[in-house]
Amino acid sequence: MNTIKASPHGTDRKTAAVVGVLFILGTVPALLSLPLALNTVSAPDHLTAISTNEGQMIIFTAIKFIMGLACAGIGLALYPILKKYNEGLAFGAAGFRVIEGALHIVGALLYVVLLALSQEFVKAGAPASSYFQTADAVINAGIGWFRDGANLLTFGIGALMYYVVFYQFRLVPRWLSVWGLVGITLNIISALLVVFHLLPSAGTIQVILLMPILPQELVLAVWLIVKGFNPSAGASLSAKTATNELSSAA
């Protein structure tokens, strides 16, 4: 007979704090890296700007790696908590967020390639029309698809799974779960529209659709660090498990 037992509250409390920190590492660095992006990848003459600001580009790329590791870590850290309530959704959430992390790392590698291309472009005398521009367009198209399509889609699917568990078992306040469900649904819609080329990557409409989930994740992160998961959810699960075991024994 399989027995499901809730983890001690202390363990869940520590896990919640770890998840909260990982949420911050997966979100805040992206905001802090915006000035670096403006000086490099988003600059008007970005091939020259990237080569000129090599140090900033390296930091920007490192931030992308950190975000990838944090996103994968969120799914892995949540798994032991979620599996007590719904093992299928726990596995799916962990899997999709690990895939998202891997895609972030692939995207970061593309920035490394872009840096190398920019340096060769400058060495060649920054020709106005050459294969450098073609390669640049191809690399940036790949970056856009990974960042605003595949990454957001895998993030959305994984997050949707754990927000369902959060809502169903009241692991966090219902208002926070509902906010997450609405925000992540808009996130998935925006990613699908980009993947199928119905919206431009990082366009105004996509940015608007993504706005609700960004502050929600920061609020959720702070909540998990300060409050943790709802301890009554674990107690309720233990009581329900004990009742089911008594019924089975009878």
C-alpha atoms as a PDB file:
ATOM      1  CA  MET A   1       0.000   0.000   0.000  1.00  0.00           C
ATOM      2  CA  ASN A   2       1.393   3.390  -1.042  1.00  0.00           C
ATOM      3  CA  THR A   3       1.340   5.982   1.718  1.00  0.00           C
ATOM      4  CA  ILE A   4       1.495   9.696   1.013  1.00  0.00           C
ATOM      5  CA  LYS A   5       2.893  11.762   3.822  1.00  0.00           C
ATOM      6  CA  ALA A   6       3.217  15.492   3.997  1.00  0.00           C
ATOM      7  CA  SER A   7       6.736  16.765   4.599  1.00  0.00           C
ATOM      8  CA  PRO A   8       7.434  18.437   7.926  1.00  0.00           C
ATOM      9  CA  HIS A   9       6.394  22.064   7.848  1.00  0.00           C
ATOM     10  CA  GLY A  10       9.973  23.176   8.478  1.00  0.00           C
ATOM     11  CA  THR A  11      11.168  21.440   5.313  1.00  0.00           C
ATOM     12  CA  ASP A  12       8.352  22.956   3.245  1.00  0.00           C
ATOM     13  CA  ARG A  13       9.160  26.378   4.717  1.00  0.00           C
ATOM     14  CA  LYS A  14      12.794  26.155   3.611  1.00  0.00           C
ATOM     15  CA  THR A  15      11.774  24.912   0.174  1.00  0.00           C
ATOM     16  CA  ALA A  16       9.346  27.816  -0.197  1.00  0.00           C
ATOM     17  CA  ALA A  17      12.146  30.285   0.592  1.00  0.00           C
ATOM     18  CA  VAL A  18      14.437  28.621  -1.962  1.00  0.00           C
ATOM     19  CA  VAL A  19      11.699  28.766  -4.609  1.00  0.00           C
ATOM     20  CA  GLY A  20      11.084  32.428  -3.793  1.00  0.00           C
ATOM     21  CA  VAL A  21      14.772  33.267  -4.263  1.00  0.00           C
ATOM     22  CA  LEU A  22      14.834  31.337  -7.556  1.00  0.00           C
ATOM     23  CA  PHE A  23      11.794  33.301  -8.767  1.00  0.00           C
ATOM     24  CA  ILE A  24      13.707  36.508  -8.081  1.00  0.00           C
ATOM     25  CA  LEU A  25      16.831  35.213  -9.860  1.00  0.00           C
ATOM     26  CA  GLY A  26      14.688  34.218 -12.831  1.00  0.00           C
ATOM     27  CA  THR A  27      13.018  37.636 -13.096  1.00  0.00           C
ATOM     28  CA  VAL A  28      14.944  40.538 -11.563  1.00  0.00           C
ATOM     29  CA  PRO A  29      18.210  40.015 -13.532  1.00  0.00           C
ATOM     30  CA  ALA A  30      16.252  40.470 -16.759  1.00  0.00           C
ATOM     31  CA  LEU A  31      15.091  43.881 -15.558  1.00  0.00           C
ATOM     32  CA  LEU A  32      18.557  44.862 -14.363  1.00  0.00           C
ATOM     33  CA  SER A  33      20.067  43.836 -17.714  1.00  0.00           C
ATOM     34  CA  LEU A  34      17.892  46.241 -19.729  1.00  0.00           C
ATOM     35  CA  PRO A  35      20.549  49.023 -19.730  1.00  0.00           C
ATOM     36  CA  LEU A  36      23.105  46.471 -20.974  1.00  0.00           C
ATOM     37  CA  ALA A  37      20.741  45.436 -23.756  1.00  0.00           C
ATOM     38  CA  LEU A  38      20.203  49.058 -24.794  1.00  0.00           C
ATOM     39  CA  ASN A  39      23.971  49.514 -25.110  1.00  0.00           C
ATOM     40  CA  THR A  40      24.522  46.283 -27.051  1.00  0.00           C
ATOM     41  CA  VAL A  41      21.929  44.023 -28.669  1.00  0.00           C
ATOM     42  CA  SER A  42      19.234  46.724 -28.901  1.00  0.00           C
ATOM     43  CA  ALA A  43      21.520  49.530 -30.097  1.00  0.00           C
ATOM     44  CA  PRO A  44      20.807  50.945 -33.581  1.00  0.00           C
ATOM     45  CA  ASP A  45      24.180  49.808 -34.985  1.00  0.00           C
ATOM     46  CA  HIS A  46      24.285  46.818 -32.692  1.00  0.00           C
ATOM     47  CA  LEU A  47      27.094  44.836 -34.350  1.00  0.00           C
ATOM     48  CA  THR A  48      29.503  47.695 -33.743  1.00  0.00           C
ATOM     49  CA  ALA A  49      27.976  48.426 -30.316  1.00  0.00           C
ATOM     50  CA  ILE A  50      28.354  44.797 -29.190  1.00  0.00           C
ATOM     51  CA  SER A  51      32.012  44.705 -30.206  1.00  0.00           C
ATOM     52  CA  THR A  52      32.695  48.082 -28.578  1.00  0.00           C
ATOM     53  CA  ASN A  53      30.956  47.065 -25.328  1.00  0.00           C
ATOM     54  CA  GLU A  54      32.337  43.537 -25.097  1.00  0.00           C
ATOM     55  CA  GLY A  55      32.404  43.532 -21.293  1.00  0.00           C
ATOM     56  CA  GLN A  56      28.761  44.567 -21.049  1.00  0.00           C
ATOM     57  CA  MET A  57      27.824  41.904 -23.590  1.00  0.00           C
ATOM     58  CA  ILE A  58      29.595  39.224 -21.565  1.00  0.00           C
ATOM     59  CA  ILE A  59      27.744  40.303 -18.402  1.00  0.00           C
ATOM     60  CA  PHE A  60      24.451  40.360 -20.328  1.00  0.00           C
ATOM     61  CA  THR A  61      25.092  36.813 -21.582  1.00  0.00           C
ATOM     62  CA  ALA A  62      26.061  35.592 -18.101  1.00  0.00           C
ATOM     63  CA  ILE A  63      22.771  36.964 -16.760  1.00  0.00           C
ATOM     64  CA  LYS A  64      20.909  34.879 -19.347  1.00  0.00           C
ATOM     65  CA  PHE A  65      22.764  31.765 -18.147  1.00  0.00           C
ATOM     66  CA  ILE A  66      21.856  32.534 -14.524  1.00  0.00           C
ATOM     67  CA  MET A  67      18.212  33.015 -15.486  1.00  0.00           C
ATOM     68  CA  GLY A  68      18.221  29.667 -17.279  1.00  0.00           C
ATOM     69  CA  LEU A  69      19.588  27.869 -14.231  1.00  0.00           C
ATOM     70  CA  ALA A  70      17.088  29.655 -11.954  1.00  0.00           C
ATOM     71  CA  CYS A  71      14.106  28.749 -14.154  1.00  0.00           C
ATOM     72  CA  ALA A  72      15.109  25.085 -14.203  1.00  0.00           C
ATOM     73  CA  GLY A  73      15.693  25.225 -10.452  1.00  0.00           C
ATOM     74  CA  ILE A  74      12.157  26.499  -9.809  1.00  0.00           C
ATOM     75  CA  GLY A  75      10.626  23.384 -11.342  1.00  0.00           C
ATOM     76  CA  LEU A  76      13.018  21.032  -9.553  1.00  0.00           C
ATOM     77  CA  ALA A  77      12.585  22.753  -6.176  1.00  0.00           C
ATOM     78  CA  LEU A  78       8.794  22.729  -6.443  1.00  0.00           C
ATOM     79  CA  TYR A  79       8.577  19.063  -7.436  1.00  0.00           C
ATOM     80  CA  PRO A  80       8.800  17.501  -3.934  1.00  0.00           C
ATOM     81  CA  ILE A  81       6.112  19.908  -2.701  1.00  0.00           C
ATOM     82  CA  LEU A  82       3.720  19.515  -5.621  1.00  0.00           C
ATOM     83  CA  LYS A  83       3.994  15.734  -5.952  1.00  0.00           C
ATOM     84  CA  LYS A  84       2.224  15.295  -2.606  1.00  0.00           C
ATOM     85  CA  TYR A  85      -0.862  16.895  -4.137  1.00  0.00           C
ATOM     86  CA  ASN A  86      -0.689  15.931  -7.833  1.00  0.00           C
ATOM     87  CA  GLU A  87       2.299  13.923  -9.018  1.00  0.00           C
ATOM     88  CA  GLY A  88       1.433  14.279 -12.707  1.00  0.00           C
ATOM     89  CA  LEU A  89       1.257  18.067 -12.610  1.00  0.00           C
ATOM     90  CA  ALA A  90       4.376  18.155 -10.410  1.00  0.00           C
ATOM     91  CA  PHE A  91       6.334  16.169 -12.984  1.00  0.00           C
ATOM     92  CA  GLY A  92       4.986  18.267 -15.857  1.00  0.00           C
ATOM     93  CA  ALA A  93       5.792  21.555 -14.128  1.00  0.00           C
ATOM     94  CA  ALA A  94       9.348  20.413 -13.359  1.00  0.00           C
ATOM     95  CA  GLY A  95       9.853  19.077 -16.884  1.00  0.00           C
ATOM     96  CA  PHE A  96       8.657  22.165 -18.731  1.00  0.00           C
ATOM     97  CA  ARG A  97      10.588  24.554 -16.514  1.00  0.00           C
ATOM     98  CA  VAL A  98      13.769  22.504 -16.986  1.00  0.00           C
ATOM     99  CA  ILE A  99      13.201  22.650 -20.750  1.00  0.00           C
ATOM    100  CA  GLU A 100      12.677  26.404 -20.421  1.00  0.00           C
ATOM    101  CA  GLY A 101      15.987  26.703 -18.563  1.00  0.00           C
ATOM    102  CA  ALA A 102      17.762  24.746 -21.288  1.00  0.00           C
ATOM    103  CA  LEU A 103      16.267  27.022 -23.953  1.00  0.00           C
ATOM    104  CA  HIS A 104      17.494  30.072 -22.014  1.00  0.00           C
ATOM    105  CA  ILE A 105      21.003  28.621 -22.078  1.00  0.00           C
ATOM    106  CA  VAL A 106      20.781  27.911 -25.822  1.00  0.00           C
ATOM    107  CA  GLY A 107      19.643  31.510 -26.312  1.00  0.00           C
ATOM    108  CA  ALA A 108      22.621  32.717 -24.254  1.00  0.00           C
ATOM    109  CA  LEU A 109      24.936  30.702 -26.506  1.00  0.00           C
ATOM    110  CA  LEU A 110      23.471  32.539 -29.482  1.00  0.00           C
ATOM    111  CA  TYR A 111      24.520  35.813 -27.836  1.00  0.00           C
ATOM    112  CA  VAL A 112      28.065  34.397 -27.601  1.00  0.00           C
ATOM    113  CA  VAL A 113      27.934  33.692 -31.342  1.00  0.00           C
ATOM    114  CA  LEU A 114      26.618  37.205 -31.942  1.00  0.00           C
ATOM    115  CA  LEU A 115      29.540  38.665 -29.973  1.00  0.00           C
ATOM    116  CA  ALA A 116      32.036  36.716 -32.084  1.00  0.00           C
ATOM    117  CA  LEU A 117      30.276  37.862 -35.268  1.00  0.00           C
ATOM    118  CA  SER A 118      30.364  41.503 -34.167  1.00  0.00           C
ATOM    119  CA  GLN A 119      34.104  41.324 -33.520  1.00  0.00           C
ATOM    120  CA  GLU A 120      34.756  39.882 -36.966  1.00  0.00           C
ATOM    121  CA  PHE A 121      32.480  42.544 -38.445  1.00  0.00           C
ATOM    122  CA  VAL A 122      34.547  45.340 -36.886  1.00  0.00           C
ATOM    123  CA  LYS A 123      37.827  43.686 -37.935  1.00  0.00           C
ATOM    124  CA  ALA A 124      36.531  43.608 -41.515  1.00  0.00           C
ATOM    125  CA  GLY A 125      36.017  47.371 -41.401  1.00  0.00           C
ATOM    126  CA  ALA A 126      32.246  47.296 -40.740  1.00  0.00           C
ATOM    127  CA  PRO A 127      31.224  46.787 -44.385  1.00  0.00           C
ATOM    128  CA  ALA A 128      27.827  48.302 -45.214  1.00  0.00           C
ATOM    129  CA  SER A 129      26.590  45.259 -47.091  1.00  0.00           C
ATOM    130  CA  SER A 130      28.033  41.794 -46.511  1.00  0.00           C
ATOM    131  CA  TYR A 131      27.343  38.330 -45.197  1.00  0.00           C
ATOM    132  CA  PHE A 132      27.759  39.754 -41.679  1.00  0.00           C
ATOM    133  CA  GLN A 133      24.346  41.419 -41.923  1.00  0.00           C
ATOM    134  CA  THR A 134      22.777  38.199 -43.201  1.00  0.00           C
ATOM    135  CA  ALA A 135      24.288  36.156 -40.378  1.00  0.00           C
ATOM    136  CA  ASP A 136      23.233  38.831 -37.891  1.00  0.00           C
ATOM    137  CA  ALA A 137      19.632  38.689 -39.129  1.00  0.00           C
ATOM    138  CA  VAL A 138      19.556  34.886 -38.864  1.00  0.00           C
ATOM    139  CA  ILE A 139      21.030  34.836 -35.339  1.00  0.00           C
ATOM    140  CA  ASN A 140      18.668  37.546 -34.102  1.00  0.00           C
ATOM    141  CA  ALA A 141      15.690  35.710 -35.595  1.00  0.00           C
ATOM    142  CA  GLY A 142      16.757  32.628 -33.631  1.00  0.00           C
ATOM    143  CA  ILE A 143      17.210  34.647 -30.446  1.00  0.00           C
ATOM    144  CA  GLY A 144      13.771  36.212 -30.847  1.00  0.00           C
ATOM    145  CA  TRP A 145      12.099  32.849 -31.431  1.00  0.00           C
ATOM    146  CA  PHE A 146      13.788  31.270 -28.409  1.00  0.00           C
ATOM    147  CA  ARG A 147      13.226  34.264 -26.114  1.00  0.00           C
ATOM    148  CA  ASP A 148       9.708  35.341 -27.051  1.00  0.00           C
ATOM    149  CA  GLY A 149       8.297  32.096 -28.402  1.00  0.00           C
ATOM    150  CA  ALA A 150       9.716  28.789 -27.188  1.00  0.00           C
ATOM    151  CA  ASN A 151      10.964  30.082 -23.820  1.00  0.00           C
ATOM    152  CA  LEU A 152       7.697  31.803 -22.933  1.00  0.00           C
ATOM    153  CA  LEU A 153       5.625  28.842 -24.109  1.00  0.00           C
ATOM    154  CA  THR A 154       7.490  26.249 -22.032  1.00  0.00           C
ATOM    155  CA  PHE A 155       7.505  28.644 -19.071  1.00  0.00           C
ATOM    156  CA  GLY A 156       3.773  29.201 -19.470  1.00  0.00           C
ATOM    157  CA  ILE A 157       2.854  25.523 -19.638  1.00  0.00           C
ATOM    158  CA  GLY A 158       5.031  24.624 -16.653  1.00  0.00           C
ATOM    159  CA  ALA A 159       3.791  27.562 -14.577  1.00  0.00           C
ATOM    160  CA  LEU A 160       0.162  26.848 -15.460  1.00  0.00           C
ATOM    161  CA  MET A 161       0.564  23.388 -13.943  1.00  0.00           C
ATOM    162  CA  TYR A 162       1.849  24.592 -10.585  1.00  0.00           C
ATOM    163  CA  TYR A 163      -0.619  27.476 -10.415  1.00  0.00           C
ATOM    164  CA  VAL A 164      -3.435  24.921 -10.807  1.00  0.00           C
ATOM    165  CA  VAL A 165      -2.060  23.013  -7.808  1.00  0.00           C
ATOM    166  CA  PHE A 166      -1.546  26.254  -5.869  1.00  0.00           C
ATOM    167  CA  TYR A 167      -5.175  27.212  -6.489  1.00  0.00           C
ATOM    168  CA  GLN A 168      -6.743  23.799  -5.934  1.00  0.00           C
ATOM    169  CA  PHE A 169      -4.986  23.096  -2.629  1.00  0.00           C
ATOM    170  CA  ARG A 170      -4.637  26.712  -1.433  1.00  0.00           C
ATOM    171  CA  LEU A 171      -0.862  26.473  -1.112  1.00  0.00           C
ATOM    172  CA  VAL A 172      -0.802  30.253  -1.513  1.00  0.00           C
ATOM    173  CA  PRO A 173      -3.710  32.727  -1.165  1.00  0.00           C
ATOM    174  CA  ARG A 174      -6.403  32.296  -3.808  1.00  0.00           C
ATOM    175  CA  TRP A 175      -6.046  35.890  -5.045  1.00  0.00           C
ATOM    176  CA  LEU A 176      -2.373  35.226  -5.770  1.00  0.00           C
ATOM    177  CA  SER A 177      -3.141  31.955  -7.557  1.00  0.00           C
ATOM    178  CA  VAL A 178      -5.880  33.554  -9.676  1.00  0.00           C
ATOM    179  CA  TRP A 179      -3.548  36.416 -10.594  1.00  0.00           C
ATOM    180  CA  GLY A 180      -0.982  33.815 -11.647  1.00  0.00           C
ATOM    181  CA  LEU A 181      -3.485  31.789 -13.681  1.00  0.00           C
ATOM    182  CA  VAL A 182      -4.697  34.872 -15.568  1.00  0.00           C
ATOM    183  CA  GLY A 183      -1.180  36.196 -16.143  1.00  0.00           C
ATOM    184  CA  ILE A 184       0.239  32.875 -17.287  1.00  0.00           C
ATOM    185  CA  THR A 185      -2.682  32.293 -19.668  1.00  0.00           C
ATOM    186  CA  LEU A 186      -1.947  35.637 -21.324  1.00  0.00           C
ATOM    187  CA  ASN A 187       1.723  34.621 -21.425  1.00  0.00           C
ATOM    188  CA  ILE A 188       0.887  31.386 -23.272  1.00  0.00           C
ATOM    189  CA  ILE A 189      -1.337  33.233 -25.741  1.00  0.00           C
ATOM    190  CA  SER A 190       1.433  35.741 -26.511  1.00  0.00           C
ATOM    191  CA  ALA A 191       3.996  32.963 -27.003  1.00  0.00           C
ATOM    192  CA  LEU A 192       1.725  31.016 -29.371  1.00  0.00           C
ATOM    193  CA  LEU A 193       1.065  34.142 -31.424  1.00  0.00           C
ATOM    194  CA  VAL A 194       4.816  34.700 -31.783  1.00  0.00           C
ATOM    195  CA  VAL A 195       5.563  31.039 -32.565  1.00  0.00           C
ATOM    196  CA  PHE A 196       2.998  31.071 -35.383  1.00  0.00           C
ATOM    197  CA  HIS A 197       4.197  34.489 -36.603  1.00  0.00           C
ATOM    198  CA  LEU A 198       0.917  36.212 -35.802  1.00  0.00           C
ATOM    199  CA  LEU A 199       2.713  38.728 -33.579  1.00  0.00           C
ATOM    200  CA  PRO A 200       6.190  40.221 -33.933  1.00  0.00           C
ATOM    201  CA  SER A 201       8.736  39.137 -31.351  1.00  0.00           C
ATOM    202  CA  ALA A 202       8.876  41.597 -28.419  1.00  0.00           C
ATOM    203  CA  GLY A 203       6.196  43.751 -30.069  1.00  0.00           C
ATOM    204  CA  THR A 204       3.902  46.123 -28.201  1.00  0.00           C
ATOM    205  CA  ILE A 205       0.994  43.663 -28.004  1.00  0.00           C
ATOM    206  CA  GLN A 206       3.194  40.896 -26.643  1.00  0.00           C
ATOM    207  CA  VAL A 207       4.679  43.221 -24.018  1.00  0.00           C
ATOM    208  CA  ILE A 208       1.156  44.189 -22.897  1.00  0.00           C
ATOM    209  CA  LEU A 209       0.126  40.539 -22.640  1.00  0.00           C
ATOM    210  CA  LEU A 210       3.205  39.769 -20.539  1.00  0.00           C
ATOM    211  CA  MET A 211       2.768  42.648 -18.101  1.00  0.00           C
ATOM    212  CA  PRO A 212       0.429  40.910 -15.578  1.00  0.00           C
ATOM    213  CA  ILE A 213       2.716  37.937 -14.861  1.00  0.00           C
ATOM    214  CA  LEU A 214       5.868  39.949 -14.135  1.00  0.00           C
ATOM    215  CA  PRO A 215       4.708  41.714 -10.938  1.00  0.00           C
ATOM    216  CA  GLN A 216       2.775  38.593  -9.933  1.00  0.00           C
ATOM    217  CA  GLU A 217       5.933  36.480  -9.892  1.00  0.00           C
ATOM    218  CA  LEU A 218       7.731  39.070  -7.787  1.00  0.00           C
ATOM    219  CA  VAL A 219       4.832  39.227  -5.316  1.00  0.00           C
ATOM    220  CA  LEU A 220       4.728  35.415  -5.221  1.00  0.00           C
ATOM    221  CA  ALA A 221       8.486  35.301  -4.603  1.00  0.00           C
ATOM    222  CA  VAL A 222       8.241  37.679  -1.644  1.00  0.00           C
ATOM    223  CA  TRP A 223       5.231  35.788  -0.278  1.00  0.00           C
ATOM    224  CA  LEU A 224       7.070  32.444  -0.400  1.00  0.00           C
ATOM    225  CA  ILE A 225      10.156  33.893   1.268  1.00  0.00           C
ATOM    226  CA  VAL A 226       8.203  35.655   4.028  1.00  0.00           C
ATOM    227  CA  LYS A 227       5.153  33.399   4.520  1.00  0.00           C
ATOM    228  CA  GLY A 228       5.964  30.105   2.806  1.00  0.00           C
ATOM    229  CA  PHE A 229       3.319  27.641   1.673  1.00  0.00           C
ATOM    230  CA  ASN A 230       0.045  27.445   3.566  1.00  0.00           C
ATOM    231  CA  PRO A 231       0.705  24.929   6.396  1.00  0.00           C
ATOM    232  CA  SER A 232      -2.982  24.043   6.623  1.00  0.00           C
ATOM    233  CA  ALA A 233      -2.781  22.617   3.084  1.00  0.00           C
ATOM    234  CA  GLY A 234      -0.300  19.991   4.267  1.00  0.00           C
ATOM    235  CA  ALA A 235      -2.369  19.251   7.353  1.00  0.00           C
ATOM    236  CA  SER A 236      -5.489  18.851   5.219  1.00  0.00           C
ATOM    237  CA  LEU A 237      -3.632  16.486   2.905  1.00  0.00           C
ATOM    238  CA  SER A 238      -2.433  14.371   5.827  1.00  0.00           C
ATOM    239  CA  ALA A 239      -5.971  14.128   7.203  1.00  0.00           C
ATOM    240  CA  LYS A 240      -7.366  13.192   3.806  1.00  0.00           C
ATOM    241  CA  THR A 241      -4.671  10.529   3.320  1.00  0.00           C
ATOM    242  CA  ALA A 242      -5.320   9.058   6.762  1.00  0.00           C
ATOM    243  CA  THR A 243      -9.068   8.901   6.048  1.00  0.00           C
ATOM    244  CA  ASN A 244      -8.475   7.152   2.716  1.00  0.00           C
ATOM    245  CA  GLU A 245      -6.132   4.632   4.343  1.00  0.00           C
ATOM    246  CA  LEU A 246      -8.705   3.838   7.068  1.00  0.00           C
ATOM    247  CA  SER A 247     -11.385   3.407   4.428  1.00  0.00           C
ATOM    248  CA  SER A 248      -9.160   1.064   2.437  1.00  0.00           C
ATOM    249  CA  ALA A 249      -8.288  -0.963   5.541  1.00  0.00           C
ATOM    250  CA  ALA A 250     -11.955  -1.288   6.421  1.00  0.00           C
END
